[in-house]
C-alpha atoms as a PDB file:
ATOM      1  CA  UNK A   1      -2.947  -0.632 -76.553  1.00  0.00           C
ATOM      2  CA  UNK A   2      -3.268   2.628 -74.596  1.00  0.00           C
ATOM      3  CA  UNK A   3      -3.500   0.670 -71.360  1.00  0.00           C
ATOM      4  CA  UNK A   4      -0.318  -1.217 -72.235  1.00  0.00           C
ATOM      5  CA  UNK A   5       1.589   2.021 -73.007  1.00  0.00           C
ATOM      6  CA  UNK A   6       0.288   3.645 -69.836  1.00  0.00           C
ATOM      7  CA  UNK A   7       1.301   0.604 -67.749  1.00  0.00           C
ATOM      8  CA  UNK A   8       4.738   0.561 -69.370  1.00  0.00           C
ATOM      9  CA  UNK A   9       5.155   4.271 -68.659  1.00  0.00           C
ATOM     10  CA  UNK A  10       4.248   3.752 -64.991  1.00  0.00           C
ATOM     11  CA  UNK A  11       6.749   0.889 -64.680  1.00  0.00           C
ATOM     12  CA  UNK A  12       9.526   2.981 -66.287  1.00  0.00           C
ATOM     13  CA  UNK A  13       8.809   5.988 -64.059  1.00  0.00           C
ATOM     14  CA  UNK A  14       8.664   3.800 -60.947  1.00  0.00           C
ATOM     15  CA  UNK A  15      11.959   2.186 -61.910  1.00  0.00           C
ATOM     16  CA  UNK A  16      13.681   5.546 -62.308  1.00  0.00           C
ATOM     17  CA  UNK A  17      12.235   6.836 -59.065  1.00  0.00           C
ATOM     18  CA  UNK A  18      13.381   3.778 -57.145  1.00  0.00           C
ATOM     19  CA  UNK A  19      16.935   4.072 -58.451  1.00  0.00           C
ATOM     20  CA  UNK A  20      18.735   6.306 -56.029  1.00  0.00           C
ATOM     21  CA  UNK A  21      22.071   7.526 -57.292  1.00  0.00           C
ATOM     22  CA  UNK A  22      22.752   9.188 -53.948  1.00  0.00           C
ATOM     23  CA  UNK A  23      25.762   7.626 -52.277  1.00  0.00           C
ATOM     24  CA  UNK A  24      25.175   6.410 -48.724  1.00  0.00           C
ATOM     25  CA  UNK A  25      27.543   7.183 -45.874  1.00  0.00           C
ATOM     26  CA  UNK A  26      28.519   3.501 -45.715  1.00  0.00           C
ATOM     27  CA  UNK A  27      29.368   3.545 -49.439  1.00  0.00           C
ATOM     28  CA  UNK A  28      31.394   6.726 -48.920  1.00  0.00           C
ATOM     29  CA  UNK A  29      33.404   5.005 -46.178  1.00  0.00           C
ATOM     30  CA  UNK A  30      34.020   1.980 -48.420  1.00  0.00           C
ATOM     31  CA  UNK A  31      35.080   4.138 -51.380  1.00  0.00           C
ATOM     32  CA  UNK A  32      37.370   6.221 -49.157  1.00  0.00           C
ATOM     33  CA  UNK A  33      39.019   3.109 -47.746  1.00  0.00           C
ATOM     34  CA  UNK A  34      40.596   2.572 -51.170  1.00  0.00           C
ATOM     35  CA  UNK A  35      42.143   6.071 -51.144  1.00  0.00           C
ATOM     36  CA  UNK A  36      45.487   6.407 -49.362  1.00  0.00           C
ATOM     37  CA  UNK A  37      44.781  10.084 -48.621  1.00  0.00           C
ATOM     38  CA  UNK A  38      42.316   9.011 -45.933  1.00  0.00           C
ATOM     39  CA  UNK A  39      42.967   7.544 -42.510  1.00  0.00           C
ATOM     40  CA  UNK A  40      40.299   5.062 -41.490  1.00  0.00           C
ATOM     41  CA  UNK A  41      39.764   3.205 -38.232  1.00  0.00           C
ATOM     42  CA  UNK A  42      36.882   0.840 -37.366  1.00  0.00           C
ATOM     43  CA  UNK A  43      36.593   0.170 -33.665  1.00  0.00           C
ATOM     44  CA  UNK A  44      34.312  -2.145 -31.760  1.00  0.00           C
ATOM     45  CA  UNK A  45      33.495  -0.542 -28.422  1.00  0.00           C
ATOM     46  CA  UNK A  46      35.198  -3.416 -26.638  1.00  0.00           C
ATOM     47  CA  UNK A  47      38.564  -2.035 -27.759  1.00  0.00           C
ATOM     48  CA  UNK A  48      38.046   1.408 -26.304  1.00  0.00           C
ATOM     49  CA  UNK A  49      35.723   0.845 -23.381  1.00  0.00           C
ATOM     50  CA  UNK A  50      37.177   0.825 -19.905  1.00  0.00           C
ATOM     51  CA  UNK A  51      37.343  -2.311 -17.836  1.00  0.00           C
ATOM     52  CA  UNK A  52      33.808  -3.328 -16.969  1.00  0.00           C
ATOM     53  CA  UNK A  53      34.474  -3.346 -13.220  1.00  0.00           C
ATOM     54  CA  UNK A  54      35.090   0.431 -13.343  1.00  0.00           C
ATOM     55  CA  UNK A  55      31.684   1.116 -14.946  1.00  0.00           C
ATOM     56  CA  UNK A  56      28.374   1.694 -13.267  1.00  0.00           C
ATOM     57  CA  UNK A  57      25.396  -0.434 -14.405  1.00  0.00           C
ATOM     58  CA  UNK A  58      24.048   2.598 -16.306  1.00  0.00           C
ATOM     59  CA  UNK A  59      27.386   3.091 -18.110  1.00  0.00           C
ATOM     60  CA  UNK A  60      27.481  -0.611 -18.996  1.00  0.00           C
ATOM     61  CA  UNK A  61      24.018  -0.292 -20.525  1.00  0.00           C
ATOM     62  CA  UNK A  62      25.132   2.700 -22.592  1.00  0.00           C
ATOM     63  CA  UNK A  63      28.286   0.920 -23.797  1.00  0.00           C
ATOM     64  CA  UNK A  64      26.194  -2.137 -24.697  1.00  0.00           C
ATOM     65  CA  UNK A  65      23.945  -0.005 -26.942  1.00  0.00           C
ATOM     66  CA  UNK A  66      26.976   1.161 -28.977  1.00  0.00           C
ATOM     67  CA  UNK A  67      28.223  -1.517 -31.372  1.00  0.00           C
ATOM     68  CA  UNK A  68      30.989   0.112 -33.365  1.00  0.00           C
ATOM     69  CA  UNK A  69      32.717   3.406 -34.069  1.00  0.00           C
ATOM     70  CA  UNK A  70      33.963   4.249 -37.572  1.00  0.00           C
ATOM     71  CA  UNK A  71      36.455   7.080 -37.940  1.00  0.00           C
ATOM     72  CA  UNK A  72      37.500   8.562 -41.279  1.00  0.00           C
ATOM     73  CA  UNK A  73      39.900  11.487 -41.542  1.00  0.00           C
ATOM     74  CA  UNK A  74      41.446  13.519 -44.302  1.00  0.00           C
ATOM     75  CA  UNK A  75      44.532  15.627 -43.600  1.00  0.00           C
ATOM     76  CA  UNK A  76      44.456  18.660 -45.875  1.00  0.00           C
ATOM     77  CA  UNK A  77      46.898  18.236 -48.753  1.00  0.00           C
ATOM     78  CA  UNK A  78      44.787  19.363 -51.690  1.00  0.00           C
ATOM     79  CA  UNK A  79      42.241  22.149 -51.196  1.00  0.00           C
ATOM     80  CA  UNK A  80      40.196  21.184 -54.269  1.00  0.00           C
ATOM     81  CA  UNK A  81      39.975  17.561 -53.082  1.00  0.00           C
ATOM     82  CA  UNK A  82      39.055  18.729 -49.564  1.00  0.00           C
ATOM     83  CA  UNK A  83      36.285  20.937 -50.947  1.00  0.00           C
ATOM     84  CA  UNK A  84      35.005  18.124 -53.165  1.00  0.00           C
ATOM     85  CA  UNK A  85      34.990  15.552 -50.367  1.00  0.00           C
ATOM     86  CA  UNK A  86      33.365  17.812 -47.782  1.00  0.00           C
ATOM     87  CA  UNK A  87      30.715  18.628 -50.393  1.00  0.00           C
ATOM     88  CA  UNK A  88      30.056  14.906 -50.887  1.00  0.00           C
ATOM     89  CA  UNK A  89      29.729  14.314 -47.144  1.00  0.00           C
ATOM     90  CA  UNK A  90      27.381  17.272 -46.714  1.00  0.00           C
ATOM     91  CA  UNK A  91      25.195  16.026 -49.585  1.00  0.00           C
ATOM     92  CA  UNK A  92      25.038  12.532 -48.078  1.00  0.00           C
ATOM     93  CA  UNK A  93      24.138  13.854 -44.640  1.00  0.00           C
ATOM     94  CA  UNK A  94      21.517  16.155 -46.109  1.00  0.00           C
ATOM     95  CA  UNK A  95      19.909  13.526 -48.319  1.00  0.00           C
ATOM     96  CA  UNK A  96      20.218  10.289 -46.368  1.00  0.00           C
ATOM     97  CA  UNK A  97      17.572  10.883 -43.680  1.00  0.00           C
ATOM     98  CA  UNK A  98      19.947  12.285 -41.068  1.00  0.00           C
ATOM     99  CA  UNK A  99      18.603  14.844 -38.617  1.00  0.00           C
ATOM    100  CA  UNK A 100      20.987  17.574 -37.531  1.00  0.00           C
ATOM    101  CA  UNK A 101      21.208  17.596 -33.755  1.00  0.00           C
ATOM    102  CA  UNK A 102      23.810  20.292 -33.214  1.00  0.00           C
ATOM    103  CA  UNK A 103      26.057  22.700 -35.093  1.00  0.00           C
ATOM    104  CA  UNK A 104      28.942  24.669 -33.630  1.00  0.00           C
ATOM    105  CA  UNK A 105      32.072  26.476 -34.656  1.00  0.00           C
ATOM    106  CA  UNK A 106      33.094  29.223 -37.040  1.00  0.00           C
ATOM    107  CA  UNK A 107      33.625  29.504 -40.777  1.00  0.00           C
ATOM    108  CA  UNK A 108      37.149  28.062 -40.411  1.00  0.00           C
ATOM    109  CA  UNK A 109      36.402  25.303 -37.902  1.00  0.00           C
ATOM    110  CA  UNK A 110      33.032  23.673 -37.430  1.00  0.00           C
ATOM    111  CA  UNK A 111      31.418  20.567 -36.122  1.00  0.00           C
ATOM    112  CA  UNK A 112      27.994  19.164 -36.871  1.00  0.00           C
ATOM    113  CA  UNK A 113      26.306  16.250 -35.132  1.00  0.00           C
ATOM    114  CA  UNK A 114      23.623  14.213 -36.892  1.00  0.00           C
ATOM    115  CA  UNK A 115      21.416  11.330 -35.814  1.00  0.00           C
ATOM    116  CA  UNK A 116      19.572   8.692 -37.778  1.00  0.00           C
ATOM    117  CA  UNK A 117      16.505   7.103 -36.250  1.00  0.00           C
ATOM    118  CA  UNK A 118      14.029   8.240 -33.629  1.00  0.00           C
ATOM    119  CA  UNK A 119      15.205  10.291 -30.649  1.00  0.00           C
ATOM    120  CA  UNK A 120      14.722   7.355 -28.284  1.00  0.00           C
ATOM    121  CA  UNK A 121      15.838   4.690 -30.772  1.00  0.00           C
ATOM    122  CA  UNK A 122      18.897   6.141 -32.532  1.00  0.00           C
ATOM    123  CA  UNK A 123      20.747   3.705 -34.786  1.00  0.00           C
ATOM    124  CA  UNK A 124      23.550   6.030 -35.816  1.00  0.00           C
ATOM    125  CA  UNK A 125      25.226   9.219 -34.606  1.00  0.00           C
ATOM    126  CA  UNK A 126      27.500  11.061 -37.039  1.00  0.00           C
ATOM    127  CA  UNK A 127      29.999  13.743 -36.077  1.00  0.00           C
ATOM    128  CA  UNK A 128      31.436  15.751 -38.969  1.00  0.00           C
ATOM    129  CA  UNK A 129      34.269  18.074 -37.886  1.00  0.00           C
ATOM    130  CA  UNK A 130      36.026  20.322 -40.370  1.00  0.00           C
ATOM    131  CA  UNK A 131      39.014  22.611 -40.189  1.00  0.00           C
ATOM    132  CA  UNK A 132      39.637  24.506 -43.429  1.00  0.00           C
ATOM    133  CA  UNK A 133      43.375  24.585 -42.687  1.00  0.00           C
ATOM    134  CA  UNK A 134      43.854  21.010 -41.459  1.00  0.00           C
ATOM    135  CA  UNK A 135      41.204  18.651 -42.885  1.00  0.00           C
ATOM    136  CA  UNK A 136      38.175  16.813 -41.596  1.00  0.00           C
ATOM    137  CA  UNK A 137      37.125  13.911 -39.398  1.00  0.00           C
ATOM    138  CA  UNK A 138      33.939  11.954 -39.944  1.00  0.00           C
ATOM    139  CA  UNK A 139      32.916   9.726 -37.033  1.00  0.00           C
ATOM    140  CA  UNK A 140      30.012   7.273 -37.002  1.00  0.00           C
ATOM    141  CA  UNK A 141      28.760   5.725 -33.799  1.00  0.00           C
ATOM    142  CA  UNK A 142      26.615   2.709 -34.695  1.00  0.00           C
ATOM    143  CA  UNK A 143      24.324   1.037 -32.209  1.00  0.00           C
ATOM    144  CA  UNK A 144      20.897  -0.243 -31.357  1.00  0.00           C
ATOM    145  CA  UNK A 145      18.198   1.886 -29.763  1.00  0.00           C
ATOM    146  CA  UNK A 146      20.578   4.539 -28.463  1.00  0.00           C
ATOM    147  CA  UNK A 147      19.108   7.832 -27.268  1.00  0.00           C
ATOM    148  CA  UNK A 148      20.447  11.349 -26.934  1.00  0.00           C
ATOM    149  CA  UNK A 149      20.848  11.049 -23.171  1.00  0.00           C
ATOM    150  CA  UNK A 150      22.762   7.797 -23.669  1.00  0.00           C
ATOM    151  CA  UNK A 151      25.094   9.546 -26.112  1.00  0.00           C
ATOM    152  CA  UNK A 152      25.853  12.211 -23.516  1.00  0.00           C
ATOM    153  CA  UNK A 153      26.564   9.478 -20.957  1.00  0.00           C
ATOM    154  CA  UNK A 154      28.700   7.622 -23.528  1.00  0.00           C
ATOM    155  CA  UNK A 155      30.756  10.789 -24.080  1.00  0.00           C
ATOM    156  CA  UNK A 156      31.186  11.095 -20.310  1.00  0.00           C
ATOM    157  CA  UNK A 157      32.246   7.444 -20.138  1.00  0.00           C
ATOM    158  CA  UNK A 158      34.784   8.107 -22.883  1.00  0.00           C
ATOM    159  CA  UNK A 159      36.327  10.901 -20.789  1.00  0.00           C
ATOM    160  CA  UNK A 160      39.772   9.602 -19.879  1.00  0.00           C
ATOM    161  CA  UNK A 161      39.739  11.446 -16.562  1.00  0.00           C
ATOM    162  CA  UNK A 162      36.852   9.312 -15.310  1.00  0.00           C
ATOM    163  CA  UNK A 163      37.861   5.907 -16.659  1.00  0.00           C
ATOM    164  CA  UNK A 164      40.886   4.033 -17.912  1.00  0.00           C
ATOM    165  CA  UNK A 165      40.224   4.015 -21.644  1.00  0.00           C
ATOM    166  CA  UNK A 166      42.418   2.660 -24.385  1.00  0.00           C
ATOM    167  CA  UNK A 167      42.727   5.884 -26.395  1.00  0.00           C
ATOM    168  CA  UNK A 168      45.758   4.667 -28.335  1.00  0.00           C
ATOM    169  CA  UNK A 169      43.371   3.600 -31.101  1.00  0.00           C
ATOM    170  CA  UNK A 170      42.670   7.277 -31.830  1.00  0.00           C
ATOM    171  CA  UNK A 171      46.211   8.647 -32.003  1.00  0.00           C
ATOM    172  CA  UNK A 172      46.708   8.365 -35.780  1.00  0.00           C
ATOM    173  CA  UNK A 173      43.318   9.745 -36.630  1.00  0.00           C
ATOM    174  CA  UNK A 174      43.667  12.732 -34.306  1.00  0.00           C
ATOM    175  CA  UNK A 175      46.979  13.677 -35.955  1.00  0.00           C
ATOM    176  CA  UNK A 176      44.853  15.185 -38.743  1.00  0.00           C
ATOM    177  CA  UNK A 177      44.186  18.184 -36.510  1.00  0.00           C
ATOM    178  CA  UNK A 178      47.707  18.620 -35.120  1.00  0.00           C
END
């Protein structure tokens, strides 16, 4: 009888430990999609990448490692909601196995960059930019086996001065910070 109770206790404890009530970033995006206060854009890289003939072989490789970019923005209308939502995002990024790569800014405006995966095999890069007077933008770059150097090259490729990119996809989302 004691063995049965002990086994039952172990099963119950294991069940509770395996249940993670922590919301994932993907779930946060899905939940936010239902809220009209957010602006959300999902972009395959093919929509924003420059014409392939203007890219070097190295740039093509970098673009090929990036599968999709998800952008979510909130334009500050309600300070309490802003505080609540930024708290949720911070908790997700802290608890969902993201490693902080970089942090910059001030108390009013800040940006943090996170990665998920190994340094040479990154599956996700997250940029969380906040402005306490304007709102926030949460960007996810999803890919396969990206690395930090590739992300720097991807950012250079995205520079409109060096390539003819279709940046029209970003206009609505960037209005959050205007």
